[in-house]
Amino acid sequence: EIKKEPASVPLMDSKPEVGKKASQEDRFSIQVASYRGNH
């Protein structure tokens, strides 16, 4: 079971970069999926 919401951001044509750790006040993550089963 997957719970996903529609994306609200445009795509950019770039290769991924790994950023430095973000502060608690200003950090962003990407939600890929949400499951009821941990496995």
All heavy atoms as atom14 arrays in JSON, in Angstrom:
{
  "sequence": "EIKKEPASVPLMDSKPEVGKKASQEDRFSIQVASYRGNH",
  "atom14_mask": [
    [1, 1, 1, 1, 1, 1, 1, 1, 1, 0, 0, 0, 0, 0],
    [1, 1, 1, 1, 1, 1, 1, 1, 0, 0, 0, 0, 0, 0],
    [1, 1, 1, 1, 1, 1, 1, 1, 1, 0, 0, 0, 0, 0],
    [1, 1, 1, 1, 1, 1, 1, 1, 1, 0, 0, 0, 0, 0],
    [1, 1, 1, 1, 1, 1, 1, 1, 1, 0, 0, 0, 0, 0],
    [1, 1, 1, 1, 1, 1, 1, 0, 0, 0, 0, 0, 0, 0],
    [1, 1, 1, 1, 1, 0, 0, 0, 0, 0, 0, 0, 0, 0],
    [1, 1, 1, 1, 1, 1, 0, 0, 0, 0, 0, 0, 0, 0],
    [1, 1, 1, 1, 1, 1, 1, 0, 0, 0, 0, 0, 0, 0],
    [1, 1, 1, 1, 1, 1, 1, 0, 0, 0, 0, 0, 0, 0],
    [1, 1, 1, 1, 1, 1, 1, 1, 0, 0, 0, 0, 0, 0],
    [1, 1, 1, 1, 1, 1, 1, 1, 0, 0, 0, 0, 0, 0],
    [1, 1, 1, 1, 1, 1, 1, 1, 0, 0, 0, 0, 0, 0],
    [1, 1, 1, 1, 1, 1, 0, 0, 0, 0, 0, 0, 0, 0],
    [1, 1, 1, 1, 1, 1, 1, 1, 1, 0, 0, 0, 0, 0],
    [1, 1, 1, 1, 1, 1, 1, 0, 0, 0, 0, 0, 0, 0],
    [1, 1, 1, 1, 1, 1, 1, 1, 1, 0, 0, 0, 0, 0],
    [1, 1, 1, 1, 1, 1, 1, 0, 0, 0, 0, 0, 0, 0],
    [1, 1, 1, 1, 0, 0, 0, 0, 0, 0, 0, 0, 0, 0],
    [1, 1, 1, 1, 1, 1, 1, 1, 1, 0, 0, 0, 0, 0],
    [1, 1, 1, 1, 1, 1, 1, 1, 1, 0, 0, 0, 0, 0],
    [1, 1, 1, 1, 1, 0, 0, 0, 0, 0, 0, 0, 0, 0],
    [1, 1, 1, 1, 1, 1, 0, 0, 0, 0, 0, 0, 0, 0],
    [1, 1, 1, 1, 1, 1, 1, 1, 1, 0, 0, 0, 0, 0],
    [1, 1, 1, 1, 1, 1, 1, 1, 1, 0, 0, 0, 0, 0],
    [1, 1, 1, 1, 1, 1, 1, 1, 0, 0, 0, 0, 0, 0],
    [1, 1, 1, 1, 1, 1, 1, 1, 1, 1, 1, 0, 0, 0],
    [1, 1, 1, 1, 1, 1, 1, 1, 1, 1, 1, 0, 0, 0],
    [1, 1, 1, 1, 1, 1, 0, 0, 0, 0, 0, 0, 0, 0],
    [1, 1, 1, 1, 1, 1, 1, 1, 0, 0, 0, 0, 0, 0],
    [1, 1, 1, 1, 1, 1, 1, 1, 1, 0, 0, 0, 0, 0],
    [1, 1, 1, 1, 1, 1, 1, 0, 0, 0, 0, 0, 0, 0],
    [1, 1, 1, 1, 1, 0, 0, 0, 0, 0, 0, 0, 0, 0],
    [1, 1, 1, 1, 1, 1, 0, 0, 0, 0, 0, 0, 0, 0],
    [1, 1, 1, 1, 1, 1, 1, 1, 1, 1, 1, 1, 0, 0],
    [1, 1, 1, 1, 1, 1, 1, 1, 1, 1, 1, 0, 0, 0],
    [1, 1, 1, 1, 0, 0, 0, 0, 0, 0, 0, 0, 0, 0],
    [1, 1, 1, 1, 1, 1, 1, 1, 0, 0, 0, 0, 0, 0],
    [1, 1, 1, 1, 1, 1, 1, 1, 1, 1, 0, 0, 0, 0]
  ],
  "atom14_positions": [
    [[0.86, -1.18, 0.0], [0.0, 0.0, 0.0], [0.89, 1.22, 0.0], [1.76, 1.37, 0.85], [-0.9, -0.01, 1.22], [-1.86, -1.17, 1.21], [-2.78, -1.16, 2.41], [-3.1, -0.06, 2.9], [-3.18, -2.24, 2.83], [0.0, 0.0, 0.0], [0.0, 0.0, 0.0], [0.0, 0.0, 0.0], [0.0, 0.0, 0.0], [0.0, 0.0, 0.0]],
    [[0.69, 2.08, -0.96], [1.53, 3.26, -1.11], [0.65, 4.49, -1.02], [-0.38, 4.57, -1.67], [2.28, 3.26, -2.45], [3.13, 2.0, -2.58], [3.11, 4.52, -2.61], [3.78, 1.84, -3.92], [0.0, 0.0, 0.0], [0.0, 0.0, 0.0], [0.0, 0.0, 0.0], [0.0, 0.0, 0.0], [0.0, 0.0, 0.0], [0.0, 0.0, 0.0]],
    [[1.07, 5.44, -0.24], [0.36, 6.71, -0.14], [1.28, 7.75, -0.74], [2.37, 7.99, -0.25], [0.05, 7.05, 1.3], [-0.61, 8.4, 1.47], [-0.72, 8.76, 2.94], [-1.14, 10.18, 3.13], [-0.06, 11.13, 3.0], [0.0, 0.0, 0.0], [0.0, 0.0, 0.0], [0.0, 0.0, 0.0], [0.0, 0.0, 0.0], [0.0, 0.0, 0.0]],
    [[0.86, 8.34, -1.82], [1.68, 9.37, -2.45], [0.81, 10.58, -2.74], [-0.37, 10.45, -3.03], [2.3, 8.86, -3.74], [3.31, 7.77, -3.51], [4.06, 7.47, -4.75], [5.08, 6.4, -4.45], [5.97, 6.13, -5.52], [0.0, 0.0, 0.0], [0.0, 0.0, 0.0], [0.0, 0.0, 0.0], [0.0, 0.0, 0.0], [0.0, 0.0, 0.0]],
    [[1.41, 11.74, -2.68], [0.72, 12.97, -3.02], [1.33, 13.51, -4.3], [2.49, 13.26, -4.58], [0.9, 13.99, -1.9], [0.32, 13.54, -0.59], [0.61, 14.5, 0.54], [0.86, 15.68, 0.26], [0.57, 14.07, 1.69], [0.0, 0.0, 0.0], [0.0, 0.0, 0.0], [0.0, 0.0, 0.0], [0.0, 0.0, 0.0], [0.0, 0.0, 0.0]],
    [[0.55, 14.26, -5.08], [1.12, 14.79, -6.32], [2.22, 15.79, -6.02], [2.18, 16.51, -5.03], [-0.07, 15.48, -6.99], [-1.07, 15.68, -5.91], [-0.83, 14.63, -4.87], [0.0, 0.0, 0.0], [0.0, 0.0, 0.0], [0.0, 0.0, 0.0], [0.0, 0.0, 0.0], [0.0, 0.0, 0.0], [0.0, 0.0, 0.0], [0.0, 0.0, 0.0]],
    [[3.21, 15.8, -6.88], [4.32, 16.73, -6.72], [3.86, 18.13, -7.05], [3.03, 18.34, -7.92], [5.47, 16.32, -7.62], [0.0, 0.0, 0.0], [0.0, 0.0, 0.0], [0.0, 0.0, 0.0], [0.0, 0.0, 0.0], [0.0, 0.0, 0.0], [0.0, 0.0, 0.0], [0.0, 0.0, 0.0], [0.0, 0.0, 0.0], [0.0, 0.0, 0.0]],
    [[4.41, 19.1, -6.36], [4.04, 20.49, -6.62], [5.24, 21.32, -7.03], [5.2, 22.52, -6.97], [3.4, 21.08, -5.37], [4.33, 21.05, -4.31], [0.0, 0.0, 0.0], [0.0, 0.0, 0.0], [0.0, 0.0, 0.0], [0.0, 0.0, 0.0], [0.0, 0.0, 0.0], [0.0, 0.0, 0.0], [0.0, 0.0, 0.0], [0.0, 0.0, 0.0]],
    [[6.31, 20.64, -7.41], [7.52, 21.35, -7.77], [7.96, 20.94, -9.17], [7.77, 19.82, -9.58], [8.67, 21.06, -6.78], [8.35, 21.62, -5.43], [8.93, 19.58, -6.67], [0.0, 0.0, 0.0], [0.0, 0.0, 0.0], [0.0, 0.0, 0.0], [0.0, 0.0, 0.0], [0.0, 0.0, 0.0], [0.0, 0.0, 0.0], [0.0, 0.0, 0.0]],
    [[8.54, 21.87, -9.94], [9.0, 21.53, -11.28], [10.28, 20.73, -11.24], [11.05, 20.81, -10.28], [9.24, 22.91, -11.91], [9.56, 23.8, -10.75], [8.73, 23.27, -9.61], [0.0, 0.0, 0.0], [0.0, 0.0, 0.0], [0.0, 0.0, 0.0], [0.0, 0.0, 0.0], [0.0, 0.0, 0.0], [0.0, 0.0, 0.0], [0.0, 0.0, 0.0]],
    [[10.52, 19.97, -12.28], [11.77, 19.23, -12.4], [12.87, 20.14, -12.92], [12.61, 21.08, -13.66], [11.6, 18.06, -13.38], [10.73, 16.92, -12.91], [10.6, 15.9, -14.02], [11.33, 16.27, -11.7], [0.0, 0.0, 0.0], [0.0, 0.0, 0.0], [0.0, 0.0, 0.0], [0.0, 0.0, 0.0], [0.0, 0.0, 0.0], [0.0, 0.0, 0.0]],
    [[14.09, 19.82, -12.58], [15.26, 20.53, -13.11], [16.16, 19.49, -13.73], [16.28, 18.38, -13.23], [16.02, 21.26, -12.0], [15.24, 22.4, -11.39], [16.16, 23.22, -10.09], [17.42, 24.02, -11.04], [0.0, 0.0, 0.0], [0.0, 0.0, 0.0], [0.0, 0.0, 0.0], [0.0, 0.0, 0.0], [0.0, 0.0, 0.0], [0.0, 0.0, 0.0]],
    [[16.8, 19.82, -14.84], [17.72, 18.89, -15.49], [19.11, 19.06, -14.9], [19.88, 19.9, -15.32], [17.77, 19.16, -16.99], [16.43, 18.86, -17.64], [15.79, 17.89, -17.21], [16.04, 19.58, -18.55], [0.0, 0.0, 0.0], [0.0, 0.0, 0.0], [0.0, 0.0, 0.0], [0.0, 0.0, 0.0], [0.0, 0.0, 0.0], [0.0, 0.0, 0.0]],
    [[19.4, 18.26, -13.89], [20.7, 18.32, -13.23], [21.05, 16.96, -12.67], [20.18, 16.15, -12.4], [20.67, 19.31, -12.05], [20.29, 20.57, -12.47], [0.0, 0.0, 0.0], [0.0, 0.0, 0.0], [0.0, 0.0, 0.0], [0.0, 0.0, 0.0], [0.0, 0.0, 0.0], [0.0, 0.0, 0.0], [0.0, 0.0, 0.0], [0.0, 0.0, 0.0]],
    [[22.33, 16.74, -12.47], [22.78, 15.53, -11.78], [22.63, 15.78, -10.29], [22.75, 16.9, -9.82], [24.24, 15.25, -12.13], [24.4, 14.81, -13.55], [25.56, 13.88, -13.63], [25.61, 13.29, -15.0], [25.57, 11.87, -15.0], [0.0, 0.0, 0.0], [0.0, 0.0, 0.0], [0.0, 0.0, 0.0], [0.0, 0.0, 0.0], [0.0, 0.0, 0.0]],
    [[22.39, 14.72, -9.51], [22.24, 14.93, -8.07], [23.56, 15.31, -7.41], [24.62, 14.91, -7.85], [21.77, 13.57, -7.57], [22.22, 12.61, -8.59], [22.22, 13.35, -9.89], [0.0, 0.0, 0.0], [0.0, 0.0, 0.0], [0.0, 0.0, 0.0], [0.0, 0.0, 0.0], [0.0, 0.0, 0.0], [0.0, 0.0, 0.0], [0.0, 0.0, 0.0]],
    [[23.43, 16.1, -6.36], [24.58, 16.46, -5.55], [24.23, 16.09, -4.12], [23.07, 16.09, -3.74], [24.82, 17.97, -5.58], [25.1, 18.53, -6.96], [25.16, 20.05, -6.91], [25.59, 20.6, -5.89], [24.76, 20.66, -7.88], [0.0, 0.0, 0.0], [0.0, 0.0, 0.0], [0.0, 0.0, 0.0], [0.0, 0.0, 0.0], [0.0, 0.0, 0.0]],
    [[25.21, 15.8, -3.33], [24.96, 15.52, -1.92], [25.33, 16.77, -1.15], [26.45, 17.26, -1.23], [25.78, 14.31, -1.43], [25.56, 14.11, 0.05], [25.4, 13.07, -2.21], [0.0, 0.0, 0.0], [0.0, 0.0, 0.0], [0.0, 0.0, 0.0], [0.0, 0.0, 0.0], [0.0, 0.0, 0.0], [0.0, 0.0, 0.0], [0.0, 0.0, 0.0]],
    [[24.36, 17.34, -0.44], [24.58, 18.58, 0.29], [25.05, 18.35, 1.7], [25.04, 17.24, 2.2], [0.0, 0.0, 0.0], [0.0, 0.0, 0.0], [0.0, 0.0, 0.0], [0.0, 0.0, 0.0], [0.0, 0.0, 0.0], [0.0, 0.0, 0.0], [0.0, 0.0, 0.0], [0.0, 0.0, 0.0], [0.0, 0.0, 0.0], [0.0, 0.0, 0.0]],
    [[25.46, 19.43, 2.34], [25.85, 19.34, 3.74], [24.6, 19.2, 4.6], [23.5, 19.46, 4.15], [26.64, 20.58, 4.12], [25.84, 21.86, 3.97], [26.67, 23.07, 4.26], [25.8, 24.3, 4.06], [26.5, 25.5, 4.02], [0.0, 0.0, 0.0], [0.0, 0.0, 0.0], [0.0, 0.0, 0.0], [0.0, 0.0, 0.0], [0.0, 0.0, 0.0]],
    [[24.79, 18.79, 5.83], [23.66, 18.63, 6.74], [22.94, 19.96, 6.9], [23.55, 21.0, 7.03], [24.17, 18.16, 8.11], [24.47, 16.71, 8.14], [23.26, 15.96, 8.57], [23.62, 14.49, 8.75], [22.5, 13.69, 9.04], [0.0, 0.0, 0.0], [0.0, 0.0, 0.0], [0.0, 0.0, 0.0], [0.0, 0.0, 0.0], [0.0, 0.0, 0.0]],
    [[21.63, 19.88, 6.91], [20.81, 21.08, 7.04], [20.47, 21.31, 8.51], [20.46, 20.39, 9.3], [19.53, 20.92, 6.24], [0.0, 0.0, 0.0], [0.0, 0.0, 0.0], [0.0, 0.0, 0.0], [0.0, 0.0, 0.0], [0.0, 0.0, 0.0], [0.0, 0.0, 0.0], [0.0, 0.0, 0.0], [0.0, 0.0, 0.0], [0.0, 0.0, 0.0]],
    [[20.17, 22.56, 8.83], [19.75, 22.88, 10.19], [18.3, 22.45, 10.38], [17.57, 22.23, 9.42], [19.88, 24.38, 10.43], [18.93, 25.07, 9.64], [0.0, 0.0, 0.0], [0.0, 0.0, 0.0], [0.0, 0.0, 0.0], [0.0, 0.0, 0.0], [0.0, 0.0, 0.0], [0.0, 0.0, 0.0], [0.0, 0.0, 0.0], [0.0, 0.0, 0.0]],
    [[17.87, 22.33, 11.62], [16.5, 21.93, 11.93], [15.5, 22.93, 11.36], [14.43, 22.55, 10.93], [16.3, 21.84, 13.44], [16.99, 20.68, 14.08], [16.33, 19.36, 13.73], [16.51, 18.83, 12.66], [15.56, 18.85, 14.65], [0.0, 0.0, 0.0], [0.0, 0.0, 0.0], [0.0, 0.0, 0.0], [0.0, 0.0, 0.0], [0.0, 0.0, 0.0]],
    [[15.82, 24.21, 11.36], [14.87, 25.25, 10.94], [14.66, 25.27, 9.44], [13.64, 25.71, 8.97], [15.36, 26.65, 11.36], [15.7, 26.82, 12.81], [17.1, 26.37, 13.15], [18.05, 26.73, 12.44], [17.25, 25.63, 14.13], [0.0, 0.0, 0.0], [0.0, 0.0, 0.0], [0.0, 0.0, 0.0], [0.0, 0.0, 0.0], [0.0, 0.0, 0.0]],
    [[15.66, 24.87, 8.66], [15.58, 25.04, 7.21], [16.15, 23.82, 6.52], [17.29, 23.83, 6.06], [16.36, 26.3, 6.82], [16.2, 26.62, 5.34], [15.15, 26.28, 4.78], [17.13, 27.19, 4.77], [0.0, 0.0, 0.0], [0.0, 0.0, 0.0], [0.0, 0.0, 0.0], [0.0, 0.0, 0.0], [0.0, 0.0, 0.0], [0.0, 0.0, 0.0]],
    [[15.36, 22.75, 6.46], [15.84, 21.59, 5.76], [14.73, 21.01, 4.9], [13.55, 21.14, 5.2], [16.43, 20.57, 6.7], [15.49, 19.83, 7.55], [16.27, 18.87, 8.41], [15.38, 17.88, 9.01], [15.77, 16.97, 9.84], [17.03, 16.89, 10.19], [14.92, 16.11, 10.34], [0.0, 0.0, 0.0], [0.0, 0.0, 0.0], [0.0, 0.0, 0.0]],
    [[15.15, 20.36, 3.83], [14.23, 19.81, 2.85], [14.58, 18.36, 2.6], [15.76, 17.99, 2.6], [14.33, 20.59, 1.54], [13.98, 22.04, 1.7], [14.95, 22.96, 2.06], [12.69, 22.48, 1.5], [14.63, 24.3, 2.23], [12.36, 23.82, 1.66], [13.33, 24.73, 2.03], [0.0, 0.0, 0.0], [0.0, 0.0, 0.0], [0.0, 0.0, 0.0]],
    [[13.58, 17.54, 2.38], [13.77, 16.14, 2.03], [12.85, 15.81, 0.87], [11.94, 16.58, 0.55], [13.45, 15.23, 3.21], [14.39, 15.41, 4.25], [0.0, 0.0, 0.0], [0.0, 0.0, 0.0], [0.0, 0.0, 0.0], [0.0, 0.0, 0.0], [0.0, 0.0, 0.0], [0.0, 0.0, 0.0], [0.0, 0.0, 0.0], [0.0, 0.0, 0.0]],
    [[13.09, 14.67, 0.28], [12.24, 14.18, -0.8], [11.48, 12.97, -0.28], [12.1, 12.02, 0.19], [13.09, 13.79, -2.02], [13.85, 15.0, -2.55], [12.22, 13.14, -3.1], [14.95, 14.65, -3.52], [0.0, 0.0, 0.0], [0.0, 0.0, 0.0], [0.0, 0.0, 0.0], [0.0, 0.0, 0.0], [0.0, 0.0, 0.0], [0.0, 0.0, 0.0]],
    [[10.15, 13.03, -0.33], [9.38, 11.85, 0.06], [9.17, 11.01, -1.19], [8.62, 11.47, -2.18], [8.04, 12.22, 0.69], [7.3, 10.95, 1.1], [6.36, 11.15, 2.26], [6.64, 11.94, 3.16], [5.27, 10.44, 2.25], [0.0, 0.0, 0.0], [0.0, 0.0, 0.0], [0.0, 0.0, 0.0], [0.0, 0.0, 0.0], [0.0, 0.0, 0.0]],
    [[9.63, 9.78, -1.12], [9.55, 8.87, -2.26], [8.31, 7.99, -2.16], [7.62, 7.77, -3.16], [10.83, 8.01, -2.34], [10.78, 7.08, -3.54], [12.07, 8.9, -2.42], [0.0, 0.0, 0.0], [0.0, 0.0, 0.0], [0.0, 0.0, 0.0], [0.0, 0.0, 0.0], [0.0, 0.0, 0.0], [0.0, 0.0, 0.0], [0.0, 0.0, 0.0]],
    [[8.0, 7.5, -0.98], [6.83, 6.63, -0.79], [6.48, 6.54, 0.68], [7.29, 6.9, 1.54], [7.12, 5.23, -1.34], [0.0, 0.0, 0.0], [0.0, 0.0, 0.0], [0.0, 0.0, 0.0], [0.0, 0.0, 0.0], [0.0, 0.0, 0.0], [0.0, 0.0, 0.0], [0.0, 0.0, 0.0], [0.0, 0.0, 0.0], [0.0, 0.0, 0.0]],
    [[5.28, 6.05, 0.95], [4.83, 5.82, 2.31], [4.13, 4.47, 2.34], [3.2, 4.23, 1.56], [3.87, 6.93, 2.74], [3.46, 6.76, 4.07], [0.0, 0.0, 0.0], [0.0, 0.0, 0.0], [0.0, 0.0, 0.0], [0.0, 0.0, 0.0], [0.0, 0.0, 0.0], [0.0, 0.0, 0.0], [0.0, 0.0, 0.0], [0.0, 0.0, 0.0]],
    [[4.59, 3.59, 3.22], [4.07, 2.23, 3.29], [3.53, 1.93, 4.68], [4.0, 2.47, 5.66], [5.18, 1.21, 3.02], [5.82, 1.31, 1.66], [7.07, 1.92, 1.51], [5.21, 0.77, 0.55], [7.67, 1.98, 0.28], [5.82, 0.83, -0.69], [7.04, 1.44, -0.83], [7.64, 1.49, -2.05], [0.0, 0.0, 0.0], [0.0, 0.0, 0.0]],
    [[2.63, 0.97, 4.75], [2.17, 0.45, 6.04], [3.08, -0.67, 6.5], [3.1, -1.0, 7.67], [0.74, -0.04, 5.95], [-0.24, 1.1, 5.8], [-1.65, 0.58, 5.89], [-2.59, 1.67, 5.71], [-3.88, 1.52, 5.81], [-4.39, 0.33, 6.06], [-4.67, 2.54, 5.63], [0.0, 0.0, 0.0], [0.0, 0.0, 0.0], [0.0, 0.0, 0.0]],
    [[3.82, -1.26, 5.59], [4.72, -2.36, 5.94], [6.17, -1.91, 5.95], [6.66, -1.35, 4.97], [0.0, 0.0, 0.0], [0.0, 0.0, 0.0], [0.0, 0.0, 0.0], [0.0, 0.0, 0.0], [0.0, 0.0, 0.0], [0.0, 0.0, 0.0], [0.0, 0.0, 0.0], [0.0, 0.0, 0.0], [0.0, 0.0, 0.0], [0.0, 0.0, 0.0]],
    [[6.85, -2.15, 7.07], [8.24, -1.73, 7.22], [9.16, -2.41, 6.2], [10.12, -1.81, 5.73], [8.72, -2.01, 8.64], [10.07, -1.44, 8.93], [10.48, -0.42, 8.38], [10.81, -2.1, 9.79], [0.0, 0.0, 0.0], [0.0, 0.0, 0.0], [0.0, 0.0, 0.0], [0.0, 0.0, 0.0], [0.0, 0.0, 0.0], [0.0, 0.0, 0.0]],
    [[8.88, -3.66, 5.84], [9.76, -4.37, 4.93], [9.77, -3.73, 3.54], [10.8, -3.7, 2.88], [9.43, -5.86, 4.86], [8.05, -6.17, 4.4], [6.95, -6.03, 5.21], [7.6, -6.61, 3.21], [5.87, -6.37, 4.54], [6.23, -6.74, 3.32], [0.0, 0.0, 0.0], [0.0, 0.0, 0.0], [0.0, 0.0, 0.0], [0.0, 0.0, 0.0]]
  ]
}
